[in-house]
Amino acid sequence: MRNHTYIEIAGRKIGPDYAPLVIAEIGINHEGSLQVAKEMVDAAHKAGAEVVKHQTHIVADEMSGAAKKVIPGNADVSIYDIMERCALNEADELALKQYVEHKGMLFISTPFSRAAADRLHRFGVVAYKIGSGECNNYPLLEHIASFGKPVILSTGMNTIESVQKAVAIFDAHQVPVALLHTTNLYPTPIHLVRYGAMMELHEAFPDKVFGLSDHTLNNNACLGAVALGASILERHFTDHMQRTGPDIVCSMDENACKELIVASAEIAQMRGGTKQPAAEEQVTIDFAFATVCSIKPIAAGEVFTKDNIWVKRPGTGAILAEEFANILGKKAARAIANDSQLEWEDVI
């Protein structure tokens, strides 16, 4: 039985019955430049993306001074310095949102603090994306849930138990929530993608739309996830791979994004079905299957043996090859010419 679960964001239904939603995450790849961000939006639009995702960083509310001593695995300066360099101020971020929407796409963003969530609330965003690092930040989740907008929640670095607490918050507020499996390494080695974890997430929350937020170097992880039922695919995005932003290494460019949109929609159509002939295969069945035929003239009353009957194409005869053994040893009810397809009334 098909799973008809879906969530809806600004009229776009997302779930197993619909083409996967591909999210182009510009994130902080613009390194604080509104102009670069707009160029990335242009490329995402040309690729056919429906959703552009940003990251909303208000650094003073997001991090304590201790963050000035924490250096991420893919950087050589502190996370505090990176975010200070890459954050857009409120006016620029609003301009970016308006630019995305002017292009006919949806703008969503990940708030990394209460002040960031409040900014997005002022903007009237249609949905919130929540990053893996905030999946167990239950005070922030409560705050975001109070806005009543749909949520896409990444669950990397968390257990089923911690995700259950997060989901319970959104359920209590009757907020639709979709769950993304994630591995938070940039880039993610292919052996750490872990589809098993994604399916464990799906099994634990069968009534939730699920997907993959991916940080590998190509589309393969996302496409494999679609075959397993994923309805949302998120990858970092850039207009070209020569940019120097923090997540460029694991980003898709315009061509890769376009390919992901087309290929994921195709793979989604390949899902489901049962192991029985499709009605459309009948035209092939007619010539490809074998039926029981005479290979010599057979007299009335003659016993059927392997010397006078065999199985041959096409499949348009009355007695399929699977019945051959049951015909052997029985007798012909009438005279049968050579190279004739046997009928059941020919057998006694």
C-alpha atoms as a PDB file:
ATOM      1  CA  MET A   1       0.000   0.000   0.000  1.00  0.00           C
ATOM      2  CA  ARG A   2       1.361   3.415  -0.936  1.00  0.00           C
ATOM      3  CA  ASN A   3       2.239   5.979   1.691  1.00  0.00           C
ATOM      4  CA  HIS A   4       0.201   9.102   0.895  1.00  0.00           C
ATOM      5  CA  THR A   5       1.856  11.247   3.600  1.00  0.00           C
ATOM      6  CA  TYR A   6       2.729  14.737   2.448  1.00  0.00           C
ATOM      7  CA  ILE A   7       3.446  18.220   3.729  1.00  0.00           C
ATOM      8  CA  GLU A   8       2.675  21.426   1.895  1.00  0.00           C
ATOM      9  CA  ILE A   9       4.820  24.545   1.636  1.00  0.00           C
ATOM     10  CA  ALA A  10       3.260  27.530  -0.148  1.00  0.00           C
ATOM     11  CA  GLY A  11       1.072  25.206  -2.216  1.00  0.00           C
ATOM     12  CA  ARG A  12       3.888  22.789  -3.141  1.00  0.00           C
ATOM     13  CA  LYS A  13       2.917  19.306  -1.971  1.00  0.00           C
ATOM     14  CA  ILE A  14       5.930  17.247  -0.866  1.00  0.00           C
ATOM     15  CA  GLY A  15       5.745  13.496  -0.342  1.00  0.00           C
ATOM     16  CA  PRO A  16       6.019  10.079  -1.996  1.00  0.00           C
ATOM     17  CA  ASP A  17       3.280  10.834  -4.540  1.00  0.00           C
ATOM     18  CA  TYR A  18       5.068  13.925  -5.883  1.00  0.00           C
ATOM     19  CA  ALA A  19       8.355  14.710  -7.611  1.00  0.00           C
ATOM     20  CA  PRO A  20      11.123  15.115  -5.027  1.00  0.00           C
ATOM     21  CA  LEU A  21      11.739  18.660  -3.857  1.00  0.00           C
ATOM     22  CA  VAL A  22      15.322  19.720  -4.599  1.00  0.00           C
ATOM     23  CA  ILE A  23      16.565  22.454  -2.273  1.00  0.00           C
ATOM     24  CA  ALA A  24      19.467  24.550  -3.553  1.00  0.00           C
ATOM     25  CA  GLU A  25      21.280  25.711  -0.445  1.00  0.00           C
ATOM     26  CA  ILE A  26      23.248  28.860  -1.071  1.00  0.00           C
ATOM     27  CA  GLY A  27      23.850  28.951   2.668  1.00  0.00           C
ATOM     28  CA  ILE A  28      26.897  31.106   3.315  1.00  0.00           C
ATOM     29  CA  ASN A  29      28.666  30.356   0.045  1.00  0.00           C
ATOM     30  CA  HIS A  30      28.244  34.050  -0.884  1.00  0.00           C
ATOM     31  CA  GLU A  31      30.696  34.957   1.919  1.00  0.00           C
ATOM     32  CA  GLY A  32      28.634  37.971   2.942  1.00  0.00           C
ATOM     33  CA  SER A  33      28.160  39.462  -0.531  1.00  0.00           C
ATOM     34  CA  LEU A  34      24.568  40.186  -1.558  1.00  0.00           C
ATOM     35  CA  GLN A  35      25.694  40.538  -5.174  1.00  0.00           C
ATOM     36  CA  VAL A  36      27.321  37.085  -5.179  1.00  0.00           C
ATOM     37  CA  ALA A  37      24.212  35.663  -3.503  1.00  0.00           C
ATOM     38  CA  LYS A  38      22.042  37.102  -6.282  1.00  0.00           C
ATOM     39  CA  GLU A  39      24.311  35.578  -8.929  1.00  0.00           C
ATOM     40  CA  MET A  40      23.853  32.208  -7.220  1.00  0.00           C
ATOM     41  CA  VAL A  41      20.085  32.744  -7.183  1.00  0.00           C
ATOM     42  CA  ASP A  42      20.190  33.431 -10.932  1.00  0.00           C
ATOM     43  CA  ALA A  43      22.012  30.131 -11.483  1.00  0.00           C
ATOM     44  CA  ALA A  44      19.575  28.228  -9.262  1.00  0.00           C
ATOM     45  CA  HIS A  45      16.684  29.696 -11.236  1.00  0.00           C
ATOM     46  CA  LYS A  46      18.264  28.647 -14.541  1.00  0.00           C
ATOM     47  CA  ALA A  47      18.748  25.141 -13.118  1.00  0.00           C
ATOM     48  CA  GLY A  48      15.007  24.913 -12.394  1.00  0.00           C
ATOM     49  CA  ALA A  49      15.238  24.952  -8.589  1.00  0.00           C
ATOM     50  CA  GLU A  50      11.974  25.528  -6.746  1.00  0.00           C
ATOM     51  CA  VAL A  51      13.521  26.426  -3.402  1.00  0.00           C
ATOM     52  CA  VAL A  52      16.582  28.464  -2.486  1.00  0.00           C
ATOM     53  CA  LYS A  53      17.807  28.073   1.087  1.00  0.00           C
ATOM     54  CA  HIS A  54      19.845  30.613   2.996  1.00  0.00           C
ATOM     55  CA  GLN A  55      21.404  30.591   6.467  1.00  0.00           C
ATOM     56  CA  THR A  56      20.442  33.360   8.888  1.00  0.00           C
ATOM     57  CA  HIS A  57      23.315  34.205  11.212  1.00  0.00           C
ATOM     58  CA  ILE A  58      23.081  36.915  13.868  1.00  0.00           C
ATOM     59  CA  VAL A  59      26.411  36.097  15.391  1.00  0.00           C
ATOM     60  CA  ALA A  60      26.151  37.857  18.753  1.00  0.00           C
ATOM     61  CA  ASP A  61      22.901  36.020  19.547  1.00  0.00           C
ATOM     62  CA  GLU A  62      24.088  32.750  18.061  1.00  0.00           C
ATOM     63  CA  MET A  63      27.475  32.225  19.693  1.00  0.00           C
ATOM     64  CA  SER A  64      29.311  33.037  22.864  1.00  0.00           C
ATOM     65  CA  GLY A  65      32.876  34.262  22.800  1.00  0.00           C
ATOM     66  CA  ALA A  66      34.050  30.681  23.332  1.00  0.00           C
ATOM     67  CA  ALA A  67      33.266  30.059  19.649  1.00  0.00           C
ATOM     68  CA  LYS A  68      36.266  32.224  18.766  1.00  0.00           C
ATOM     69  CA  LYS A  69      38.432  29.274  19.812  1.00  0.00           C
ATOM     70  CA  VAL A  70      36.497  26.554  17.911  1.00  0.00           C
ATOM     71  CA  ILE A  71      37.862  25.784  14.438  1.00  0.00           C
ATOM     72  CA  PRO A  72      35.643  23.603  12.179  1.00  0.00           C
ATOM     73  CA  GLY A  73      37.102  20.535  10.505  1.00  0.00           C
ATOM     74  CA  ASN A  74      36.991  22.139   7.045  1.00  0.00           C
ATOM     75  CA  ALA A  75      38.512  25.521   8.047  1.00  0.00           C
ATOM     76  CA  ASP A  76      41.587  27.171   9.523  1.00  0.00           C
ATOM     77  CA  VAL A  77      39.852  30.055  11.311  1.00  0.00           C
ATOM     78  CA  SER A  78      37.242  29.982  14.079  1.00  0.00           C
ATOM     79  CA  ILE A  79      33.555  29.342  13.451  1.00  0.00           C
ATOM     80  CA  TYR A  80      32.881  32.785  14.986  1.00  0.00           C
ATOM     81  CA  ASP A  81      35.125  34.481  12.416  1.00  0.00           C
ATOM     82  CA  ILE A  82      33.571  32.510   9.539  1.00  0.00           C
ATOM     83  CA  MET A  83      30.034  33.457  10.490  1.00  0.00           C
ATOM     84  CA  GLU A  84      30.919  37.104  11.092  1.00  0.00           C
ATOM     85  CA  ARG A  85      32.449  37.235   7.622  1.00  0.00           C
ATOM     86  CA  CYS A  86      29.590  35.430   5.889  1.00  0.00           C
ATOM     87  CA  ALA A  87      26.466  36.765   7.615  1.00  0.00           C
ATOM     88  CA  LEU A  88      24.133  39.083   5.727  1.00  0.00           C
ATOM     89  CA  ASN A  89      22.611  41.963   7.647  1.00  0.00           C
ATOM     90  CA  GLU A  90      18.814  42.193   7.864  1.00  0.00           C
ATOM     91  CA  ALA A  91      18.395  44.606   4.953  1.00  0.00           C
ATOM     92  CA  ASP A  92      20.551  42.501   2.644  1.00  0.00           C
ATOM     93  CA  GLU A  93      18.867  39.266   3.641  1.00  0.00           C
ATOM     94  CA  LEU A  94      15.421  40.760   3.024  1.00  0.00           C
ATOM     95  CA  ALA A  95      16.629  41.958  -0.372  1.00  0.00           C
ATOM     96  CA  LEU A  96      17.837  38.430  -1.098  1.00  0.00           C
ATOM     97  CA  LYS A  97      14.476  36.939  -0.113  1.00  0.00           C
ATOM     98  CA  GLN A  98      12.655  39.392  -2.364  1.00  0.00           C
ATOM     99  CA  TYR A  99      15.044  38.624  -5.220  1.00  0.00           C
ATOM    100  CA  VAL A 100      14.415  34.875  -4.865  1.00  0.00           C
ATOM    101  CA  GLU A 101      10.658  35.390  -4.818  1.00  0.00           C
ATOM    102  CA  HIS A 102      10.792  37.780  -7.779  1.00  0.00           C
ATOM    103  CA  LYS A 103      12.321  34.882  -9.699  1.00  0.00           C
ATOM    104  CA  GLY A 104       9.304  32.713  -8.805  1.00  0.00           C
ATOM    105  CA  MET A 105      11.133  30.512  -6.303  1.00  0.00           C
ATOM    106  CA  LEU A 106      10.545  29.914  -2.589  1.00  0.00           C
ATOM    107  CA  PHE A 107      12.957  31.398  -0.060  1.00  0.00           C
ATOM    108  CA  ILE A 108      13.582  29.486   3.140  1.00  0.00           C
ATOM    109  CA  SER A 109      16.401  29.807   5.626  1.00  0.00           C
ATOM    110  CA  THR A 110      17.973  28.130   8.629  1.00  0.00           C
ATOM    111  CA  PRO A 111      17.902  30.314  11.744  1.00  0.00           C
ATOM    112  CA  PHE A 112      20.802  29.605  14.092  1.00  0.00           C
ATOM    113  CA  SER A 113      19.466  31.651  16.996  1.00  0.00           C
ATOM    114  CA  ARG A 114      16.292  33.080  18.482  1.00  0.00           C
ATOM    115  CA  ALA A 115      17.053  36.490  16.960  1.00  0.00           C
ATOM    116  CA  ALA A 116      17.531  34.844  13.556  1.00  0.00           C
ATOM    117  CA  ALA A 117      14.204  33.016  13.882  1.00  0.00           C
ATOM    118  CA  ASP A 118      12.527  36.303  14.809  1.00  0.00           C
ATOM    119  CA  ARG A 119      14.040  37.998  11.770  1.00  0.00           C
ATOM    120  CA  LEU A 120      12.676  35.317   9.478  1.00  0.00           C
ATOM    121  CA  HIS A 121       9.300  35.584  11.204  1.00  0.00           C
ATOM    122  CA  ARG A 122       9.294  39.320  10.432  1.00  0.00           C
ATOM    123  CA  PHE A 123      10.099  38.446   6.827  1.00  0.00           C
ATOM    124  CA  GLY A 124       7.055  36.159   6.683  1.00  0.00           C
ATOM    125  CA  VAL A 125       8.963  33.110   5.408  1.00  0.00           C
ATOM    126  CA  VAL A 126       6.755  30.241   4.188  1.00  0.00           C
ATOM    127  CA  ALA A 127       8.719  27.569   6.090  1.00  0.00           C
ATOM    128  CA  TYR A 128      11.760  27.080   8.285  1.00  0.00           C
ATOM    129  CA  LYS A 129      14.722  24.803   7.698  1.00  0.00           C
ATOM    130  CA  ILE A 130      16.402  23.663  10.895  1.00  0.00           C
ATOM    131  CA  GLY A 131      19.972  22.420  10.782  1.00  0.00           C
ATOM    132  CA  SER A 132      21.311  19.303  12.447  1.00  0.00           C
ATOM    133  CA  GLY A 133      23.091  21.334  15.115  1.00  0.00           C
ATOM    134  CA  GLU A 134      19.742  22.735  16.253  1.00  0.00           C
ATOM    135  CA  CYS A 135      17.865  19.403  16.137  1.00  0.00           C
ATOM    136  CA  ASN A 136      18.300  18.984  19.896  1.00  0.00           C
ATOM    137  CA  ASN A 137      18.135  22.720  20.692  1.00  0.00           C
ATOM    138  CA  TYR A 138      14.687  22.258  22.161  1.00  0.00           C
ATOM    139  CA  PRO A 139      14.242  25.853  23.434  1.00  0.00           C
ATOM    140  CA  LEU A 140      14.866  27.168  19.903  1.00  0.00           C
ATOM    141  CA  LEU A 141      12.593  24.497  18.389  1.00  0.00           C
ATOM    142  CA  GLU A 142       9.801  25.535  20.762  1.00  0.00           C
ATOM    143  CA  HIS A 143      10.273  29.131  19.680  1.00  0.00           C
ATOM    144  CA  ILE A 144      10.170  28.272  15.970  1.00  0.00           C
ATOM    145  CA  ALA A 145       7.200  25.935  16.430  1.00  0.00           C
ATOM    146  CA  SER A 146       5.230  28.801  17.964  1.00  0.00           C
ATOM    147  CA  PHE A 147       5.217  30.524  14.550  1.00  0.00           C
ATOM    148  CA  GLY A 148       3.079  27.703  13.120  1.00  0.00           C
ATOM    149  CA  LYS A 149       4.957  27.392   9.813  1.00  0.00           C
ATOM    150  CA  PRO A 150       6.060  24.076   8.233  1.00  0.00           C
ATOM    151  CA  VAL A 151       9.519  22.870   9.206  1.00  0.00           C
ATOM    152  CA  ILE A 152      12.158  20.799   7.428  1.00  0.00           C
ATOM    153  CA  LEU A 153      14.410  19.335  10.129  1.00  0.00           C
ATOM    154  CA  SER A 154      17.886  17.929   9.521  1.00  0.00           C
ATOM    155  CA  THR A 155      18.767  15.198  11.997  1.00  0.00           C
ATOM    156  CA  GLY A 156      22.519  14.644  11.575  1.00  0.00           C
ATOM    157  CA  MET A 157      24.598  13.933  14.695  1.00  0.00           C
ATOM    158  CA  ASN A 158      21.394  12.950  16.554  1.00  0.00           C
ATOM    159  CA  THR A 159      19.812   9.691  17.670  1.00  0.00           C
ATOM    160  CA  ILE A 160      16.248   8.489  17.139  1.00  0.00           C
ATOM    161  CA  GLU A 161      15.598   9.396  20.791  1.00  0.00           C
ATOM    162  CA  SER A 162      16.698  13.007  20.399  1.00  0.00           C
ATOM    163  CA  VAL A 163      14.755  13.334  17.136  1.00  0.00           C
ATOM    164  CA  GLN A 164      11.653  12.002  18.926  1.00  0.00           C
ATOM    165  CA  LYS A 165      11.861  14.894  21.389  1.00  0.00           C
ATOM    166  CA  ALA A 166      12.126  17.374  18.523  1.00  0.00           C
ATOM    167  CA  VAL A 167       9.223  15.838  16.608  1.00  0.00           C
ATOM    168  CA  ALA A 168       7.106  15.869  19.764  1.00  0.00           C
ATOM    169  CA  ILE A 169       7.539  19.652  19.981  1.00  0.00           C
ATOM    170  CA  PHE A 170       6.277  20.214  16.438  1.00  0.00           C
ATOM    171  CA  ASP A 171       3.471  17.689  16.838  1.00  0.00           C
ATOM    172  CA  ALA A 172       2.319  19.469  20.005  1.00  0.00           C
ATOM    173  CA  HIS A 173       2.109  22.719  18.045  1.00  0.00           C
ATOM    174  CA  GLN A 174       0.470  20.894  15.084  1.00  0.00           C
ATOM    175  CA  VAL A 175       3.321  22.073  12.879  1.00  0.00           C
ATOM    176  CA  PRO A 176       4.044  19.916   9.805  1.00  0.00           C
ATOM    177  CA  VAL A 177       7.610  18.610   9.969  1.00  0.00           C
ATOM    178  CA  ALA A 178       9.698  16.703   7.424  1.00  0.00           C
ATOM    179  CA  LEU A 179      12.851  14.868   8.517  1.00  0.00           C
ATOM    180  CA  LEU A 180      16.160  14.803   6.659  1.00  0.00           C
ATOM    181  CA  HIS A 181      18.923  12.320   7.362  1.00  0.00           C
ATOM    182  CA  THR A 182      22.310  14.017   7.269  1.00  0.00           C
ATOM    183  CA  THR A 183      25.979  13.298   7.881  1.00  0.00           C
ATOM    184  CA  ASN A 184      27.706  16.458   9.050  1.00  0.00           C
ATOM    185  CA  LEU A 185      31.102  16.096   7.441  1.00  0.00           C
ATOM    186  CA  TYR A 186      32.083  18.502   4.661  1.00  0.00           C
ATOM    187  CA  PRO A 187      32.533  16.713   2.330  1.00  0.00           C
ATOM    188  CA  THR A 188      30.972  13.445   3.492  1.00  0.00           C
ATOM    189  CA  PRO A 189      32.930  10.284   2.566  1.00  0.00           C
ATOM    190  CA  ILE A 190      30.624   8.010   0.586  1.00  0.00           C
ATOM    191  CA  HIS A 191      30.783   5.169   3.130  1.00  0.00           C
ATOM    192  CA  LEU A 192      29.350   7.515   5.764  1.00  0.00           C
ATOM    193  CA  VAL A 193      26.199   8.447   3.825  1.00  0.00           C
ATOM    194  CA  ARG A 194      24.424   5.564   5.626  1.00  0.00           C
ATOM    195  CA  TYR A 195      21.120   4.880   3.913  1.00  0.00           C
ATOM    196  CA  GLY A 196      20.444   2.441   6.735  1.00  0.00           C
ATOM    197  CA  ALA A 197      20.236   5.385   9.121  1.00  0.00           C
ATOM    198  CA  MET A 198      17.870   7.193   6.768  1.00  0.00           C
ATOM    199  CA  MET A 199      15.570   4.171   6.610  1.00  0.00           C
ATOM    200  CA  GLU A 200      15.753   3.755  10.398  1.00  0.00           C
ATOM    201  CA  LEU A 201      14.557   7.358  10.642  1.00  0.00           C
ATOM    202  CA  HIS A 202      11.713   6.613   8.220  1.00  0.00           C
ATOM    203  CA  GLU A 203      10.694   3.495  10.138  1.00  0.00           C
ATOM    204  CA  ALA A 204      10.700   5.397  13.440  1.00  0.00           C
ATOM    205  CA  PHE A 205       8.514   8.165  11.979  1.00  0.00           C
ATOM    206  CA  PRO A 206       6.429   6.474   9.250  1.00  0.00           C
ATOM    207  CA  ASP A 207       3.922   9.339   9.180  1.00  0.00           C
ATOM    208  CA  LYS A 208       6.596  11.943   8.361  1.00  0.00           C
ATOM    209  CA  VAL A 209       7.937  12.921   4.957  1.00  0.00           C
ATOM    210  CA  PHE A 210      11.653  12.115   4.839  1.00  0.00           C
ATOM    211  CA  GLY A 211      14.671  12.911   2.722  1.00  0.00           C
ATOM    212  CA  LEU A 212      18.421  13.520   2.593  1.00  0.00           C
ATOM    213  CA  SER A 213      20.537  16.587   3.182  1.00  0.00           C
ATOM    214  CA  ASP A 214      23.733  15.556   1.467  1.00  0.00           C
ATOM    215  CA  HIS A 215      27.337  16.762   1.640  1.00  0.00           C
ATOM    216  CA  THR A 216      29.064  14.350  -0.755  1.00  0.00           C
ATOM    217  CA  LEU A 217      30.691  15.484  -3.987  1.00  0.00           C
ATOM    218  CA  ASN A 218      28.070  14.416  -6.549  1.00  0.00           C
ATOM    219  CA  ASN A 219      24.389  13.572  -6.987  1.00  0.00           C
ATOM    220  CA  ASN A 220      24.653   9.817  -6.414  1.00  0.00           C
ATOM    221  CA  ALA A 221      23.718   9.860  -2.728  1.00  0.00           C
ATOM    222  CA  CYS A 222      20.604  11.927  -3.424  1.00  0.00           C
ATOM    223  CA  LEU A 223      19.512   9.743  -6.329  1.00  0.00           C
ATOM    224  CA  GLY A 224      19.941   6.567  -4.305  1.00  0.00           C
ATOM    225  CA  ALA A 225      17.917   8.154  -1.511  1.00  0.00           C
ATOM    226  CA  VAL A 226      15.050   8.817  -3.934  1.00  0.00           C
ATOM    227  CA  ALA A 227      14.989   5.144  -4.920  1.00  0.00           C
ATOM    228  CA  LEU A 228      14.514   4.373  -1.212  1.00  0.00           C
ATOM    229  CA  GLY A 229      11.622   6.819  -0.896  1.00  0.00           C
ATOM    230  CA  ALA A 230      13.156  10.217  -0.148  1.00  0.00           C
ATOM    231  CA  SER A 231      10.915  13.172  -0.990  1.00  0.00           C
ATOM    232  CA  ILE A 232      13.284  16.057  -0.183  1.00  0.00           C
ATOM    233  CA  LEU A 233      16.856  16.449  -1.402  1.00  0.00           C
ATOM    234  CA  GLU A 234      19.132  19.211  -0.195  1.00  0.00           C
ATOM    235  CA  ARG A 235      22.604  20.039  -1.430  1.00  0.00           C
ATOM    236  CA  HIS A 236      24.733  23.141  -1.078  1.00  0.00           C
ATOM    237  CA  PHE A 237      24.679  25.252  -4.223  1.00  0.00           C
ATOM    238  CA  THR A 238      26.981  27.624  -6.076  1.00  0.00           C
ATOM    239  CA  ASP A 239      26.884  29.278  -9.480  1.00  0.00           C
ATOM    240  CA  HIS A 240      30.358  27.931 -10.245  1.00  0.00           C
ATOM    241  CA  MET A 241      32.852  25.710  -8.456  1.00  0.00           C
ATOM    242  CA  GLN A 242      35.655  28.313  -8.535  1.00  0.00           C
ATOM    243  CA  ARG A 243      34.044  30.264  -5.690  1.00  0.00           C
ATOM    244  CA  THR A 244      35.833  30.275  -2.335  1.00  0.00           C
ATOM    245  CA  GLY A 245      32.849  29.972   0.049  1.00  0.00           C
ATOM    246  CA  PRO A 246      32.988  27.575   3.013  1.00  0.00           C
ATOM    247  CA  ASP A 247      30.836  24.833   1.467  1.00  0.00           C
ATOM    248  CA  ILE A 248      31.837  25.096  -2.191  1.00  0.00           C
ATOM    249  CA  VAL A 249      33.671  21.760  -2.088  1.00  0.00           C
ATOM    250  CA  CYS A 250      30.434  19.854  -1.455  1.00  0.00           C
ATOM    251  CA  SER A 251      28.183  22.107  -3.531  1.00  0.00           C
ATOM    252  CA  MET A 252      26.366  21.421  -6.774  1.00  0.00           C
ATOM    253  CA  ASP A 253      26.583  23.916  -9.615  1.00  0.00           C
ATOM    254  CA  GLU A 254      23.850  24.842 -12.073  1.00  0.00           C
ATOM    255  CA  ASN A 255      24.327  21.793 -14.289  1.00  0.00           C
ATOM    256  CA  ALA A 256      24.465  19.332 -11.397  1.00  0.00           C
ATOM    257  CA  CYS A 257      21.342  20.897  -9.896  1.00  0.00           C
ATOM    258  CA  LYS A 258      19.476  20.635 -13.186  1.00  0.00           C
ATOM    259  CA  GLU A 259      20.532  17.002 -13.536  1.00  0.00           C
ATOM    260  CA  LEU A 260      19.439  16.254  -9.969  1.00  0.00           C
ATOM    261  CA  ILE A 261      15.991  17.755 -10.527  1.00  0.00           C
ATOM    262  CA  VAL A 262      15.406  15.795 -13.739  1.00  0.00           C
ATOM    263  CA  ALA A 263      16.926  12.498 -12.584  1.00  0.00           C
ATOM    264  CA  SER A 264      15.268  12.494  -9.157  1.00  0.00           C
ATOM    265  CA  ALA A 265      11.851  13.048 -10.755  1.00  0.00           C
ATOM    266  CA  GLU A 266      12.520  10.107 -13.083  1.00  0.00           C
ATOM    267  CA  ILE A 267      13.655   7.804 -10.274  1.00  0.00           C
ATOM    268  CA  ALA A 268      10.619   8.733  -8.186  1.00  0.00           C
ATOM    269  CA  GLN A 269       8.418   7.438 -11.007  1.00  0.00           C
ATOM    270  CA  MET A 270      10.321   4.129 -10.928  1.00  0.00           C
ATOM    271  CA  ARG A 271       9.349   3.422  -7.306  1.00  0.00           C
ATOM    272  CA  GLY A 272       6.592   1.059  -6.231  1.00  0.00           C
ATOM    273  CA  GLY A 273       4.825  -1.567  -8.292  1.00  0.00           C
ATOM    274  CA  THR A 274       4.343  -5.279  -7.668  1.00  0.00           C
ATOM    275  CA  LYS A 275       6.068  -8.315  -9.167  1.00  0.00           C
ATOM    276  CA  GLN A 276       3.474  -9.255 -11.751  1.00  0.00           C
ATOM    277  CA  PRO A 277       3.210  -8.504 -15.463  1.00  0.00           C
ATOM    278  CA  ALA A 278       2.297  -4.920 -16.260  1.00  0.00           C
ATOM    279  CA  ALA A 279      -0.744  -4.635 -18.513  1.00  0.00           C
ATOM    280  CA  GLU A 280       1.442  -2.760 -20.983  1.00  0.00           C
ATOM    281  CA  GLU A 281       3.694  -5.836 -21.309  1.00  0.00           C
ATOM    282  CA  GLN A 282       0.976  -7.856 -23.059  1.00  0.00           C
ATOM    283  CA  VAL A 283       2.284  -6.846 -26.486  1.00  0.00           C
ATOM    284  CA  THR A 284       5.627  -8.418 -25.536  1.00  0.00           C
ATOM    285  CA  ILE A 285       4.070 -11.438 -23.823  1.00  0.00           C
ATOM    286  CA  ASP A 286       2.287 -12.215 -27.084  1.00  0.00           C
ATOM    287  CA  PHE A 287       5.553 -12.941 -28.873  1.00  0.00           C
ATOM    288  CA  ALA A 288       8.015 -13.647 -26.066  1.00  0.00           C
ATOM    289  CA  PHE A 289       6.230 -16.424 -24.149  1.00  0.00           C
ATOM    290  CA  ALA A 290       6.170 -20.020 -25.425  1.00  0.00           C
ATOM    291  CA  THR A 291       3.137 -22.290 -25.794  1.00  0.00           C
ATOM    292  CA  VAL A 292       2.751 -25.994 -26.542  1.00  0.00           C
ATOM    293  CA  CYS A 293       2.949 -26.893 -30.251  1.00  0.00           C
ATOM    294  CA  SER A 294       3.023 -30.027 -32.359  1.00  0.00           C
ATOM    295  CA  ILE A 295       6.362 -30.785 -34.004  1.00  0.00           C
ATOM    296  CA  LYS A 296       5.007 -33.728 -36.086  1.00  0.00           C
ATOM    297  CA  PRO A 297       1.613 -34.658 -37.480  1.00  0.00           C
ATOM    298  CA  ILE A 298      -0.313 -36.342 -34.628  1.00  0.00           C
ATOM    299  CA  ALA A 299      -3.094 -38.872 -35.181  1.00  0.00           C
ATOM    300  CA  ALA A 300      -6.281 -38.882 -33.116  1.00  0.00           C
ATOM    301  CA  GLY A 301      -5.710 -41.029 -30.014  1.00  0.00           C
ATOM    302  CA  GLU A 302      -1.912 -40.751 -30.260  1.00  0.00           C
ATOM    303  CA  VAL A 303      -0.060 -40.194 -26.979  1.00  0.00           C
ATOM    304  CA  PHE A 304       1.699 -36.845 -26.542  1.00  0.00           C
ATOM    305  CA  THR A 305       5.468 -37.248 -26.098  1.00  0.00           C
ATOM    306  CA  LYS A 306       8.525 -35.065 -26.394  1.00  0.00           C
ATOM    307  CA  ASP A 307       8.885 -36.459 -29.907  1.00  0.00           C
ATOM    308  CA  ASN A 308       5.625 -34.980 -31.189  1.00  0.00           C
ATOM    309  CA  ILE A 309       5.106 -31.845 -29.070  1.00  0.00           C
ATOM    310  CA  TRP A 310       7.371 -29.101 -27.741  1.00  0.00           C
ATOM    311  CA  VAL A 311       7.181 -25.475 -26.634  1.00  0.00           C
ATOM    312  CA  LYS A 312       7.632 -22.599 -29.088  1.00  0.00           C
ATOM    313  CA  ARG A 313       6.967 -18.938 -29.395  1.00  0.00           C
ATOM    314  CA  PRO A 314       4.712 -16.971 -29.692  1.00  0.00           C
ATOM    315  CA  GLY A 315       2.705 -16.795 -26.501  1.00  0.00           C
ATOM    316  CA  THR A 316      -0.627 -16.581 -28.291  1.00  0.00           C
ATOM    317  CA  GLY A 317      -1.454 -20.296 -27.967  1.00  0.00           C
ATOM    318  CA  ALA A 318      -3.871 -21.657 -25.391  1.00  0.00           C
ATOM    319  CA  ILE A 319      -1.452 -23.878 -23.448  1.00  0.00           C
ATOM    320  CA  LEU A 320       1.529 -22.083 -21.854  1.00  0.00           C
ATOM    321  CA  ALA A 321       4.929 -23.748 -21.606  1.00  0.00           C
ATOM    322  CA  GLU A 322       4.453 -24.217 -17.853  1.00  0.00           C
ATOM    323  CA  GLU A 323       1.735 -26.809 -18.647  1.00  0.00           C
ATOM    324  CA  PHE A 324       3.970 -28.891 -20.936  1.00  0.00           C
ATOM    325  CA  ALA A 325       4.719 -31.632 -18.393  1.00  0.00           C
ATOM    326  CA  ASN A 326       1.003 -32.036 -17.697  1.00  0.00           C
ATOM    327  CA  ILE A 327       0.276 -32.669 -21.381  1.00  0.00           C
ATOM    328  CA  LEU A 328       2.865 -35.449 -21.773  1.00  0.00           C
ATOM    329  CA  GLY A 329       1.279 -38.903 -21.578  1.00  0.00           C
ATOM    330  CA  LYS A 330      -2.176 -37.657 -22.487  1.00  0.00           C
ATOM    331  CA  LYS A 331      -3.809 -38.352 -25.859  1.00  0.00           C
ATOM    332  CA  ALA A 332      -4.842 -36.305 -28.842  1.00  0.00           C
ATOM    333  CA  ALA A 333      -8.617 -35.838 -29.133  1.00  0.00           C
ATOM    334  CA  ARG A 334      -8.306 -35.307 -32.897  1.00  0.00           C
ATOM    335  CA  ALA A 335      -5.760 -35.340 -35.691  1.00  0.00           C
ATOM    336  CA  ILE A 336      -3.373 -32.404 -35.318  1.00  0.00           C
ATOM    337  CA  ALA A 337      -1.264 -31.028 -38.165  1.00  0.00           C
ATOM    338  CA  ASN A 338       2.445 -30.381 -37.722  1.00  0.00           C
ATOM    339  CA  ASP A 339       3.427 -26.960 -36.285  1.00  0.00           C
ATOM    340  CA  SER A 340       0.047 -26.276 -34.680  1.00  0.00           C
ATOM    341  CA  GLN A 341      -0.538 -24.568 -31.366  1.00  0.00           C
ATOM    342  CA  LEU A 342      -2.437 -27.038 -29.177  1.00  0.00           C
ATOM    343  CA  GLU A 343      -5.842 -26.178 -27.726  1.00  0.00           C
ATOM    344  CA  TRP A 344      -7.118 -27.602 -24.435  1.00  0.00           C
ATOM    345  CA  GLU A 345      -9.898 -29.415 -26.330  1.00  0.00           C
ATOM    346  CA  ASP A 346      -7.168 -31.295 -28.241  1.00  0.00           C
ATOM    347  CA  VAL A 347      -6.124 -33.043 -25.006  1.00  0.00           C
ATOM    348  CA  ILE A 348      -7.858 -36.045 -23.380  1.00  0.00           C
END
